[in-house]
Amino acid sequence: MHFLKLIRYKNLLFLVLIQTLIKYVLFEAFRLETSLSDFHFILLVVATVCIAAGGYIINDVFDIRIDAINKADKQIVSRHISEKMAYNYYLLFTATGVCLGFYLSNHIGVPGFSALFILIGALLYVYATYLKSVMIIGNLTISLLVATSILIVGLFELFPNISSQNILVYQVVFTILLKYSLFAFMLTLLREIVKDIEDINGDQNGGLKTLPIMIGRKRTTMFAFILAIFTVVLILVYLYDSLYRQTIAMLYFLVFIIGPLLYFCIQLFSAEKRETFRNLSVLLKIIMLLGVLSLFLYKFNFI
């Protein structure tokens, strides 16, 4: 069980869910021809999961002192799994992900795509060792990588099949993926900032220069509040531009996305206790899950 917590198995299952829904719900709703068989798609999912798991592990390896304060009762590395063993796990997962990415890139005839897995693995290492200590840059890096985990399915499944005959429908689907990637980017950025507020004491002890440490908790909370309102506005613009004739889709987004986000804003505005910020972080996870589940609206022609 300690190993599963080390690799953040719940987050990895969420990654599996969103990539699976993209292929078997979104792509099938548009009846698109894809590049990967079921087996090769599983390999793509395994590759991204391995890279992500490696990132979680190496982050914990370099966060031993910080986690001793922020997560004293949940710390895995050094308490339940040795630092050396954790580092070996990191190497195994990252190497597996990169090798699978290299194989799949050559399988679809675009060997250059293998650089994506190398770059993501390298960014996760640099994040764990340096970027997370740089104000806002670490937050942006993680948010960008989460968004990339959505786009990578489109790159491997659709890009090799684009032709002059199908380019218009493929552009439509890529646009949808970009919108979901932006949604994931914004919510992840919000959650990373909220987590930084929650973990300010341990981060300060570890010498990090996160946003709340540099500009203060109250100013960071206000920044997160403004960012959340901006996210709500972006979604409302999307609803007005694209879904104003789709009643069921409009209701889904208003009730399950906009509503919880507005509740998040209200709670954030008055948040003081560490427990409140922890609950708000969980709420953002739930909102992201509900956003991912909206892909089913395409399957039933509600969008």
C-alpha atoms as a PDB file:
ATOM      1  CA  MET A   1       0.000   0.000   0.000  1.00  0.00           C
ATOM      2  CA  HIS A   2       2.900   2.353   0.741  1.00  0.00           C
ATOM      3  CA  PHE A   3       4.182   1.819  -2.800  1.00  0.00           C
ATOM      4  CA  LEU A   4       0.771   2.707  -4.272  1.00  0.00           C
ATOM      5  CA  LYS A   5       0.687   5.894  -2.220  1.00  0.00           C
ATOM      6  CA  LEU A   6       4.225   6.707  -3.343  1.00  0.00           C
ATOM      7  CA  ILE A   7       3.216   6.683  -7.017  1.00  0.00           C
ATOM      8  CA  ARG A   8      -0.091   8.518  -6.283  1.00  0.00           C
ATOM      9  CA  TYR A   9      -2.190   5.700  -7.707  1.00  0.00           C
ATOM     10  CA  LYS A  10      -5.407   7.743  -7.536  1.00  0.00           C
ATOM     11  CA  ASN A  11      -3.910  10.453  -9.729  1.00  0.00           C
ATOM     12  CA  LEU A  12      -2.606   7.811 -12.130  1.00  0.00           C
ATOM     13  CA  LEU A  13      -6.052   6.217 -12.363  1.00  0.00           C
ATOM     14  CA  PHE A  14      -7.454   9.647 -13.213  1.00  0.00           C
ATOM     15  CA  LEU A  15      -4.864   9.944 -15.997  1.00  0.00           C
ATOM     16  CA  VAL A  16      -5.890   6.514 -17.319  1.00  0.00           C
ATOM     17  CA  LEU A  17      -9.544   7.572 -17.210  1.00  0.00           C
ATOM     18  CA  ILE A  18      -9.152  10.774 -19.193  1.00  0.00           C
ATOM     19  CA  GLN A  19      -6.961   9.202 -21.878  1.00  0.00           C
ATOM     20  CA  THR A  20      -9.365   6.275 -22.214  1.00  0.00           C
ATOM     21  CA  LEU A  21     -12.380   8.570 -22.535  1.00  0.00           C
ATOM     22  CA  ILE A  22     -10.621  10.613 -25.210  1.00  0.00           C
ATOM     23  CA  LYS A  23     -10.024   7.543 -27.372  1.00  0.00           C
ATOM     24  CA  TYR A  24     -13.165   5.490 -26.757  1.00  0.00           C
ATOM     25  CA  VAL A  25     -15.709   8.265 -26.220  1.00  0.00           C
ATOM     26  CA  LEU A  26     -14.587  11.461 -27.973  1.00  0.00           C
ATOM     27  CA  PHE A  27     -12.873   9.919 -30.996  1.00  0.00           C
ATOM     28  CA  GLU A  28     -15.580   7.307 -31.470  1.00  0.00           C
ATOM     29  CA  ALA A  29     -18.283   9.983 -31.257  1.00  0.00           C
ATOM     30  CA  PHE A  30     -16.714  11.590 -34.352  1.00  0.00           C
ATOM     31  CA  ARG A  31     -16.017   8.170 -35.927  1.00  0.00           C
ATOM     32  CA  LEU A  32     -12.358   9.021 -36.399  1.00  0.00           C
ATOM     33  CA  GLU A  33      -9.768   6.645 -37.768  1.00  0.00           C
ATOM     34  CA  THR A  34      -7.015   6.329 -35.177  1.00  0.00           C
ATOM     35  CA  SER A  35      -3.414   5.161 -35.434  1.00  0.00           C
ATOM     36  CA  LEU A  36      -3.124   2.871 -32.438  1.00  0.00           C
ATOM     37  CA  SER A  37      -4.693  -0.534 -31.904  1.00  0.00           C
ATOM     38  CA  ASP A  38      -6.143  -1.285 -28.475  1.00  0.00           C
ATOM     39  CA  PHE A  39      -2.865  -2.927 -27.485  1.00  0.00           C
ATOM     40  CA  HIS A  40      -0.713  -0.016 -28.625  1.00  0.00           C
ATOM     41  CA  PHE A  41      -3.060   2.454 -26.957  1.00  0.00           C
ATOM     42  CA  ILE A  42      -2.568   0.549 -23.685  1.00  0.00           C
ATOM     43  CA  LEU A  43       1.168   0.956 -24.202  1.00  0.00           C
ATOM     44  CA  LEU A  44       0.679   4.716 -24.657  1.00  0.00           C
ATOM     45  CA  VAL A  45      -1.291   4.895 -21.417  1.00  0.00           C
ATOM     46  CA  VAL A  46       1.328   2.794 -19.612  1.00  0.00           C
ATOM     47  CA  ALA A  47       4.089   5.060 -20.957  1.00  0.00           C
ATOM     48  CA  THR A  48       2.438   8.249 -19.694  1.00  0.00           C
ATOM     49  CA  VAL A  49       1.550   6.614 -16.366  1.00  0.00           C
ATOM     50  CA  CYS A  50       5.151   5.467 -15.894  1.00  0.00           C
ATOM     51  CA  ILE A  51       6.542   8.932 -16.616  1.00  0.00           C
ATOM     52  CA  ALA A  52       4.029  10.488 -14.208  1.00  0.00           C
ATOM     53  CA  ALA A  53       4.763   7.898 -11.493  1.00  0.00           C
ATOM     54  CA  GLY A  54       8.472   8.574 -11.874  1.00  0.00           C
ATOM     55  CA  GLY A  55       7.787  12.281 -11.428  1.00  0.00           C
ATOM     56  CA  TYR A  56       5.856  11.707  -8.200  1.00  0.00           C
ATOM     57  CA  ILE A  57       8.616   9.492  -6.824  1.00  0.00           C
ATOM     58  CA  ILE A  58      11.539  11.809  -7.569  1.00  0.00           C
ATOM     59  CA  ASN A  59       9.573  14.723  -6.128  1.00  0.00           C
ATOM     60  CA  ASP A  60       9.146  12.821  -2.847  1.00  0.00           C
ATOM     61  CA  VAL A  61      12.844  11.905  -2.826  1.00  0.00           C
ATOM     62  CA  PHE A  62      13.839  15.565  -2.899  1.00  0.00           C
ATOM     63  CA  ASP A  63      11.021  16.579  -0.521  1.00  0.00           C
ATOM     64  CA  ILE A  64      11.991  14.431   2.454  1.00  0.00           C
ATOM     65  CA  ARG A  65      12.705  17.373   4.753  1.00  0.00           C
ATOM     66  CA  ILE A  66       9.685  19.360   3.566  1.00  0.00           C
ATOM     67  CA  ASP A  67       7.284  16.406   3.832  1.00  0.00           C
ATOM     68  CA  ALA A  68       8.461  15.799   7.399  1.00  0.00           C
ATOM     69  CA  ILE A  69       6.558  19.008   8.234  1.00  0.00           C
ATOM     70  CA  ASN A  70       3.784  19.178   5.608  1.00  0.00           C
ATOM     71  CA  LYS A  71       2.892  15.480   5.597  1.00  0.00           C
ATOM     72  CA  ALA A  72       4.451  14.055   8.745  1.00  0.00           C
ATOM     73  CA  ASP A  73       1.840  11.321   9.068  1.00  0.00           C
ATOM     74  CA  LYS A  74       1.801  10.490   5.348  1.00  0.00           C
ATOM     75  CA  GLN A  75       5.487  10.574   4.477  1.00  0.00           C
ATOM     76  CA  ILE A  76       6.544   7.471   2.521  1.00  0.00           C
ATOM     77  CA  VAL A  77      10.187   7.988   1.470  1.00  0.00           C
ATOM     78  CA  SER A  78      12.628   7.438   4.356  1.00  0.00           C
ATOM     79  CA  ARG A  79       9.876   6.103   6.639  1.00  0.00           C
ATOM     80  CA  HIS A  80       8.411   3.163   4.737  1.00  0.00           C
ATOM     81  CA  ILE A  81      10.533   3.065   1.577  1.00  0.00           C
ATOM     82  CA  SER A  82      14.234   3.885   1.626  1.00  0.00           C
ATOM     83  CA  GLU A  83      15.546   6.817  -0.365  1.00  0.00           C
ATOM     84  CA  LYS A  84      17.749   4.475  -2.435  1.00  0.00           C
ATOM     85  CA  MET A  85      14.845   2.149  -3.263  1.00  0.00           C
ATOM     86  CA  ALA A  86      12.636   5.103  -4.185  1.00  0.00           C
ATOM     87  CA  TYR A  87      15.319   6.417  -6.532  1.00  0.00           C
ATOM     88  CA  ASN A  88      15.578   2.978  -8.178  1.00  0.00           C
ATOM     89  CA  TYR A  89      11.819   2.972  -8.659  1.00  0.00           C
ATOM     90  CA  TYR A  90      12.113   6.406 -10.265  1.00  0.00           C
ATOM     91  CA  LEU A  91      14.737   5.188 -12.726  1.00  0.00           C
ATOM     92  CA  LEU A  92      12.704   2.081 -13.566  1.00  0.00           C
ATOM     93  CA  PHE A  93       9.446   3.939 -14.208  1.00  0.00           C
ATOM     94  CA  THR A  94      11.032   6.783 -16.172  1.00  0.00           C
ATOM     95  CA  ALA A  95      13.168   4.471 -18.314  1.00  0.00           C
ATOM     96  CA  THR A  96      10.131   2.281 -19.049  1.00  0.00           C
ATOM     97  CA  GLY A  97       8.041   5.298 -20.072  1.00  0.00           C
ATOM     98  CA  VAL A  98      10.742   6.700 -22.340  1.00  0.00           C
ATOM     99  CA  CYS A  99      11.394   3.311 -23.995  1.00  0.00           C
ATOM    100  CA  LEU A 100       7.693   2.735 -24.638  1.00  0.00           C
ATOM    101  CA  GLY A 101       7.405   6.260 -26.025  1.00  0.00           C
ATOM    102  CA  PHE A 102      10.321   5.598 -28.380  1.00  0.00           C
ATOM    103  CA  TYR A 103       8.715   2.350 -29.569  1.00  0.00           C
ATOM    104  CA  LEU A 104       5.289   3.914 -30.149  1.00  0.00           C
ATOM    105  CA  SER A 105       6.730   6.924 -31.962  1.00  0.00           C
ATOM    106  CA  ASN A 106       8.466   4.637 -34.428  1.00  0.00           C
ATOM    107  CA  HIS A 107       5.367   2.443 -34.659  1.00  0.00           C
ATOM    108  CA  ILE A 108       3.257   5.364 -35.968  1.00  0.00           C
ATOM    109  CA  GLY A 109       6.073   6.575 -38.226  1.00  0.00           C
ATOM    110  CA  VAL A 110       6.822   9.793 -36.337  1.00  0.00           C
ATOM    111  CA  PRO A 111      10.055   9.038 -34.418  1.00  0.00           C
ATOM    112  CA  GLY A 112      10.366  12.669 -33.399  1.00  0.00           C
ATOM    113  CA  PHE A 113       7.473  12.228 -30.952  1.00  0.00           C
ATOM    114  CA  SER A 114       9.785  10.185 -28.720  1.00  0.00           C
ATOM    115  CA  ALA A 115      11.381  13.485 -27.709  1.00  0.00           C
ATOM    116  CA  LEU A 116       8.122  14.327 -25.898  1.00  0.00           C
ATOM    117  CA  PHE A 117       8.658  11.559 -23.350  1.00  0.00           C
ATOM    118  CA  ILE A 118      12.299  12.505 -22.857  1.00  0.00           C
ATOM    119  CA  LEU A 119      11.365  16.168 -22.417  1.00  0.00           C
ATOM    120  CA  ILE A 120       8.530  15.409 -19.968  1.00  0.00           C
ATOM    121  CA  GLY A 121      10.729  13.086 -17.922  1.00  0.00           C
ATOM    122  CA  ALA A 122      13.500  15.685 -17.842  1.00  0.00           C
ATOM    123  CA  LEU A 123      11.082  18.463 -16.867  1.00  0.00           C
ATOM    124  CA  LEU A 124       9.730  16.409 -13.977  1.00  0.00           C
ATOM    125  CA  TYR A 125      13.281  15.880 -12.689  1.00  0.00           C
ATOM    126  CA  VAL A 126      14.174  19.562 -13.074  1.00  0.00           C
ATOM    127  CA  TYR A 127      10.895  20.455 -11.358  1.00  0.00           C
ATOM    128  CA  ALA A 128      11.702  18.227  -8.378  1.00  0.00           C
ATOM    129  CA  THR A 129      15.257  19.539  -8.047  1.00  0.00           C
ATOM    130  CA  TYR A 130      14.837  23.222  -8.901  1.00  0.00           C
ATOM    131  CA  LEU A 131      11.712  24.590 -10.615  1.00  0.00           C
ATOM    132  CA  LYS A 132       9.305  23.968  -7.722  1.00  0.00           C
ATOM    133  CA  SER A 133      11.402  26.371  -5.640  1.00  0.00           C
ATOM    134  CA  VAL A 134      10.949  29.180  -8.184  1.00  0.00           C
ATOM    135  CA  MET A 135       7.894  31.386  -7.662  1.00  0.00           C
ATOM    136  CA  ILE A 136       4.970  30.404  -9.983  1.00  0.00           C
ATOM    137  CA  ILE A 137       7.319  28.710 -12.522  1.00  0.00           C
ATOM    138  CA  GLY A 138       6.970  25.332 -10.816  1.00  0.00           C
ATOM    139  CA  ASN A 139       3.184  25.680 -10.742  1.00  0.00           C
ATOM    140  CA  LEU A 140       3.095  26.538 -14.449  1.00  0.00           C
ATOM    141  CA  THR A 141       5.364  23.588 -15.286  1.00  0.00           C
ATOM    142  CA  ILE A 142       3.128  21.015 -13.587  1.00  0.00           C
ATOM    143  CA  SER A 143       0.000  22.572 -15.110  1.00  0.00           C
ATOM    144  CA  LEU A 144       1.546  22.427 -18.582  1.00  0.00           C
ATOM    145  CA  LEU A 145       2.512  18.769 -18.147  1.00  0.00           C
ATOM    146  CA  VAL A 146      -1.033  17.853 -17.079  1.00  0.00           C
ATOM    147  CA  ALA A 147      -2.400  19.595 -20.165  1.00  0.00           C
ATOM    148  CA  THR A 148       0.148  17.739 -22.310  1.00  0.00           C
ATOM    149  CA  SER A 149      -1.131  14.372 -21.017  1.00  0.00           C
ATOM    150  CA  ILE A 150      -4.421  15.199 -22.785  1.00  0.00           C
ATOM    151  CA  LEU A 151      -2.916  16.455 -26.024  1.00  0.00           C
ATOM    152  CA  ILE A 152      -0.527  13.525 -26.349  1.00  0.00           C
ATOM    153  CA  VAL A 153      -3.432  11.175 -27.106  1.00  0.00           C
ATOM    154  CA  GLY A 154      -4.452  13.356 -30.048  1.00  0.00           C
ATOM    155  CA  LEU A 155      -0.882  13.572 -31.317  1.00  0.00           C
ATOM    156  CA  PHE A 156      -0.357   9.802 -31.352  1.00  0.00           C
ATOM    157  CA  GLU A 157      -3.852   8.767 -32.413  1.00  0.00           C
ATOM    158  CA  LEU A 158      -4.787  11.415 -34.986  1.00  0.00           C
ATOM    159  CA  PHE A 159      -1.743  13.223 -36.324  1.00  0.00           C
ATOM    160  CA  PRO A 160      -0.438  10.361 -38.520  1.00  0.00           C
ATOM    161  CA  ASN A 161      -3.869   9.996 -40.185  1.00  0.00           C
ATOM    162  CA  ILE A 162      -4.463  13.615 -41.178  1.00  0.00           C
ATOM    163  CA  SER A 163      -5.118  14.103 -44.885  1.00  0.00           C
ATOM    164  CA  SER A 164      -6.700  16.693 -47.140  1.00  0.00           C
ATOM    165  CA  GLN A 165      -9.966  14.712 -47.007  1.00  0.00           C
ATOM    166  CA  ASN A 166     -10.344  14.630 -43.212  1.00  0.00           C
ATOM    167  CA  ILE A 167      -8.417  17.673 -42.029  1.00  0.00           C
ATOM    168  CA  LEU A 168     -11.533  19.699 -41.182  1.00  0.00           C
ATOM    169  CA  VAL A 169     -13.045  17.151 -38.782  1.00  0.00           C
ATOM    170  CA  TYR A 170      -9.622  16.474 -37.258  1.00  0.00           C
ATOM    171  CA  GLN A 171      -9.204  20.214 -36.655  1.00  0.00           C
ATOM    172  CA  VAL A 172     -12.535  20.246 -34.826  1.00  0.00           C
ATOM    173  CA  VAL A 173     -11.448  17.389 -32.551  1.00  0.00           C
ATOM    174  CA  PHE A 174      -8.015  18.918 -31.912  1.00  0.00           C
ATOM    175  CA  THR A 175      -9.762  22.157 -30.958  1.00  0.00           C
ATOM    176  CA  ILE A 176     -11.885  20.232 -28.447  1.00  0.00           C
ATOM    177  CA  LEU A 177      -8.743  18.636 -27.005  1.00  0.00           C
ATOM    178  CA  LEU A 178      -7.122  22.067 -26.724  1.00  0.00           C
ATOM    179  CA  LYS A 179     -10.117  23.378 -24.787  1.00  0.00           C
ATOM    180  CA  TYR A 180     -10.038  20.446 -22.372  1.00  0.00           C
ATOM    181  CA  SER A 181      -6.270  20.907 -22.036  1.00  0.00           C
ATOM    182  CA  LEU A 182      -6.780  24.571 -21.174  1.00  0.00           C
ATOM    183  CA  PHE A 183      -9.431  23.584 -18.609  1.00  0.00           C
ATOM    184  CA  ALA A 184      -7.018  21.067 -17.052  1.00  0.00           C
ATOM    185  CA  PHE A 185      -4.203  23.645 -17.127  1.00  0.00           C
ATOM    186  CA  MET A 186      -6.245  26.292 -15.294  1.00  0.00           C
ATOM    187  CA  LEU A 187      -7.609  23.931 -12.632  1.00  0.00           C
ATOM    188  CA  THR A 188      -4.190  22.360 -12.048  1.00  0.00           C
ATOM    189  CA  LEU A 189      -2.596  25.801 -11.708  1.00  0.00           C
ATOM    190  CA  LEU A 190      -5.294  26.781  -9.201  1.00  0.00           C
ATOM    191  CA  ARG A 191      -4.788  23.568  -7.248  1.00  0.00           C
ATOM    192  CA  GLU A 192      -1.000  23.957  -7.192  1.00  0.00           C
ATOM    193  CA  ILE A 193      -1.343  27.478  -5.788  1.00  0.00           C
ATOM    194  CA  VAL A 194      -3.857  26.337  -3.166  1.00  0.00           C
ATOM    195  CA  LYS A 195      -1.506  23.500  -2.172  1.00  0.00           C
ATOM    196  CA  ASP A 196       1.353  26.005  -1.837  1.00  0.00           C
ATOM    197  CA  ILE A 197      -0.769  28.047   0.568  1.00  0.00           C
ATOM    198  CA  GLU A 198      -1.604  24.877   2.499  1.00  0.00           C
ATOM    199  CA  ASP A 199       2.055  23.793   2.660  1.00  0.00           C
ATOM    200  CA  ILE A 200       3.620  27.208   3.338  1.00  0.00           C
ATOM    201  CA  ASN A 201       5.269  26.200   6.628  1.00  0.00           C
ATOM    202  CA  GLY A 202       7.089  23.136   5.319  1.00  0.00           C
ATOM    203  CA  ASP A 203       8.012  24.854   2.046  1.00  0.00           C
ATOM    204  CA  GLN A 204       9.506  27.779   3.932  1.00  0.00           C
ATOM    205  CA  ASN A 205      11.546  25.413   6.085  1.00  0.00           C
ATOM    206  CA  GLY A 206      12.765  23.697   2.902  1.00  0.00           C
ATOM    207  CA  GLY A 207      14.000  26.945   1.402  1.00  0.00           C
ATOM    208  CA  LEU A 208      11.420  27.099  -1.402  1.00  0.00           C
ATOM    209  CA  LYS A 209      10.297  30.395  -2.896  1.00  0.00           C
ATOM    210  CA  THR A 210       6.668  29.648  -3.656  1.00  0.00           C
ATOM    211  CA  LEU A 211       4.115  32.361  -4.305  1.00  0.00           C
ATOM    212  CA  PRO A 212       2.694  32.525  -0.738  1.00  0.00           C
ATOM    213  CA  ILE A 213       6.204  32.647   0.716  1.00  0.00           C
ATOM    214  CA  MET A 214       7.262  35.487  -1.585  1.00  0.00           C
ATOM    215  CA  ILE A 215       4.141  37.679  -1.575  1.00  0.00           C
ATOM    216  CA  GLY A 216       2.270  36.414   1.482  1.00  0.00           C
ATOM    217  CA  ARG A 217      -0.685  34.115   2.078  1.00  0.00           C
ATOM    218  CA  LYS A 218      -3.397  36.768   1.745  1.00  0.00           C
ATOM    219  CA  ARG A 219      -2.116  38.143  -1.559  1.00  0.00           C
ATOM    220  CA  THR A 220      -1.698  34.638  -2.940  1.00  0.00           C
ATOM    221  CA  THR A 221      -5.250  33.787  -1.883  1.00  0.00           C
ATOM    222  CA  MET A 222      -6.502  36.886  -3.719  1.00  0.00           C
ATOM    223  CA  PHE A 223      -4.467  35.906  -6.793  1.00  0.00           C
ATOM    224  CA  ALA A 224      -6.019  32.424  -6.725  1.00  0.00           C
ATOM    225  CA  PHE A 225      -9.469  33.994  -6.330  1.00  0.00           C
ATOM    226  CA  ILE A 226      -8.933  36.182  -9.417  1.00  0.00           C
ATOM    227  CA  LEU A 227      -7.596  33.187 -11.350  1.00  0.00           C
ATOM    228  CA  ALA A 228     -10.679  31.153 -10.400  1.00  0.00           C
ATOM    229  CA  ILE A 229     -13.024  33.954 -11.512  1.00  0.00           C
ATOM    230  CA  PHE A 230     -11.091  34.183 -14.794  1.00  0.00           C
ATOM    231  CA  THR A 231     -11.560  30.419 -15.265  1.00  0.00           C
ATOM    232  CA  VAL A 232     -15.300  30.779 -14.683  1.00  0.00           C
ATOM    233  CA  VAL A 233     -15.432  33.580 -17.284  1.00  0.00           C
ATOM    234  CA  LEU A 234     -13.542  31.438 -19.820  1.00  0.00           C
ATOM    235  CA  ILE A 235     -16.009  28.578 -19.370  1.00  0.00           C
ATOM    236  CA  LEU A 236     -18.983  30.939 -19.662  1.00  0.00           C
ATOM    237  CA  VAL A 237     -17.557  32.332 -22.914  1.00  0.00           C
ATOM    238  CA  TYR A 238     -17.195  28.764 -24.183  1.00  0.00           C
ATOM    239  CA  LEU A 239     -20.799  28.007 -23.253  1.00  0.00           C
ATOM    240  CA  TYR A 240     -22.031  31.140 -24.999  1.00  0.00           C
ATOM    241  CA  ASP A 241     -19.970  30.544 -28.147  1.00  0.00           C
ATOM    242  CA  SER A 242     -20.361  26.787 -28.544  1.00  0.00           C
ATOM    243  CA  LEU A 243     -23.141  25.326 -26.415  1.00  0.00           C
ATOM    244  CA  TYR A 244     -25.906  27.914 -26.313  1.00  0.00           C
ATOM    245  CA  ARG A 245     -28.174  25.627 -28.380  1.00  0.00           C
ATOM    246  CA  GLN A 246     -27.310  22.453 -26.444  1.00  0.00           C
ATOM    247  CA  THR A 247     -29.599  22.564 -23.406  1.00  0.00           C
ATOM    248  CA  ILE A 248     -28.362  19.409 -21.683  1.00  0.00           C
ATOM    249  CA  ALA A 249     -24.706  20.345 -22.152  1.00  0.00           C
ATOM    250  CA  MET A 250     -25.388  23.881 -20.893  1.00  0.00           C
ATOM    251  CA  LEU A 251     -27.111  22.537 -17.774  1.00  0.00           C
ATOM    252  CA  TYR A 252     -24.298  20.053 -17.137  1.00  0.00           C
ATOM    253  CA  PHE A 253     -21.597  22.718 -17.237  1.00  0.00           C
ATOM    254  CA  LEU A 254     -23.625  25.221 -15.213  1.00  0.00           C
ATOM    255  CA  VAL A 255     -24.527  22.730 -12.466  1.00  0.00           C
ATOM    256  CA  PHE A 256     -21.407  20.543 -12.279  1.00  0.00           C
ATOM    257  CA  ILE A 257     -18.621  22.936 -13.324  1.00  0.00           C
ATOM    258  CA  ILE A 258     -19.637  26.579 -12.914  1.00  0.00           C
ATOM    259  CA  GLY A 259     -21.592  25.960  -9.694  1.00  0.00           C
ATOM    260  CA  PRO A 260     -18.758  24.176  -7.834  1.00  0.00           C
ATOM    261  CA  LEU A 261     -16.227  26.729  -9.120  1.00  0.00           C
ATOM    262  CA  LEU A 262     -18.304  29.606  -7.764  1.00  0.00           C
ATOM    263  CA  TYR A 263     -18.593  27.752  -4.451  1.00  0.00           C
ATOM    264  CA  PHE A 264     -14.789  27.360  -4.537  1.00  0.00           C
ATOM    265  CA  CYS A 265     -14.423  31.121  -5.049  1.00  0.00           C
ATOM    266  CA  ILE A 266     -16.718  31.911  -2.115  1.00  0.00           C
ATOM    267  CA  GLN A 267     -14.891  29.519   0.217  1.00  0.00           C
ATOM    268  CA  LEU A 268     -11.462  30.650  -0.958  1.00  0.00           C
ATOM    269  CA  PHE A 269     -12.243  34.310  -0.363  1.00  0.00           C
ATOM    270  CA  SER A 270     -12.728  33.672   3.352  1.00  0.00           C
ATOM    271  CA  ALA A 271     -10.282  30.777   3.789  1.00  0.00           C
ATOM    272  CA  GLU A 272      -7.896  30.988   6.738  1.00  0.00           C
ATOM    273  CA  LYS A 273      -7.241  27.496   8.116  1.00  0.00           C
ATOM    274  CA  ARG A 274      -4.936  24.915   6.546  1.00  0.00           C
ATOM    275  CA  GLU A 275      -7.753  22.368   6.593  1.00  0.00           C
ATOM    276  CA  THR A 276      -9.917  24.699   4.484  1.00  0.00           C
ATOM    277  CA  PHE A 277      -7.256  24.944   1.799  1.00  0.00           C
ATOM    278  CA  ARG A 278      -6.910  21.150   1.841  1.00  0.00           C
ATOM    279  CA  ASN A 279     -10.647  20.777   1.276  1.00  0.00           C
ATOM    280  CA  LEU A 280     -10.541  23.318  -1.548  1.00  0.00           C
ATOM    281  CA  SER A 281      -7.758  21.317  -3.196  1.00  0.00           C
ATOM    282  CA  VAL A 282      -9.967  18.205  -3.061  1.00  0.00           C
ATOM    283  CA  LEU A 283     -12.874  20.203  -4.497  1.00  0.00           C
ATOM    284  CA  LEU A 284     -10.752  21.203  -7.503  1.00  0.00           C
ATOM    285  CA  LYS A 285      -9.972  17.527  -8.097  1.00  0.00           C
ATOM    286  CA  ILE A 286     -13.684  16.740  -8.110  1.00  0.00           C
ATOM    287  CA  ILE A 287     -14.391  19.604 -10.526  1.00  0.00           C
ATOM    288  CA  MET A 288     -11.698  18.326 -12.861  1.00  0.00           C
ATOM    289  CA  LEU A 289     -13.201  14.830 -12.722  1.00  0.00           C
ATOM    290  CA  LEU A 290     -16.637  16.244 -13.558  1.00  0.00           C
ATOM    291  CA  GLY A 291     -15.084  18.166 -16.438  1.00  0.00           C
ATOM    292  CA  VAL A 292     -13.533  14.973 -17.809  1.00  0.00           C
ATOM    293  CA  LEU A 293     -16.831  13.103 -17.496  1.00  0.00           C
ATOM    294  CA  SER A 294     -18.445  15.749 -19.706  1.00  0.00           C
ATOM    295  CA  LEU A 295     -16.794  13.926 -22.621  1.00  0.00           C
ATOM    296  CA  PHE A 296     -19.745  11.524 -22.436  1.00  0.00           C
ATOM    297  CA  LEU A 297     -21.913  14.377 -23.712  1.00  0.00           C
ATOM    298  CA  TYR A 298     -20.280  13.878 -27.124  1.00  0.00           C
ATOM    299  CA  LYS A 299     -21.113  10.187 -27.117  1.00  0.00           C
ATOM    300  CA  PHE A 300     -24.814  10.894 -26.633  1.00  0.00           C
ATOM    301  CA  ASN A 301     -24.816  13.853 -29.049  1.00  0.00           C
ATOM    302  CA  PHE A 302     -25.549  16.403 -26.328  1.00  0.00           C
ATOM    303  CA  ILE A 303     -22.747  18.631 -27.631  1.00  0.00           C
END
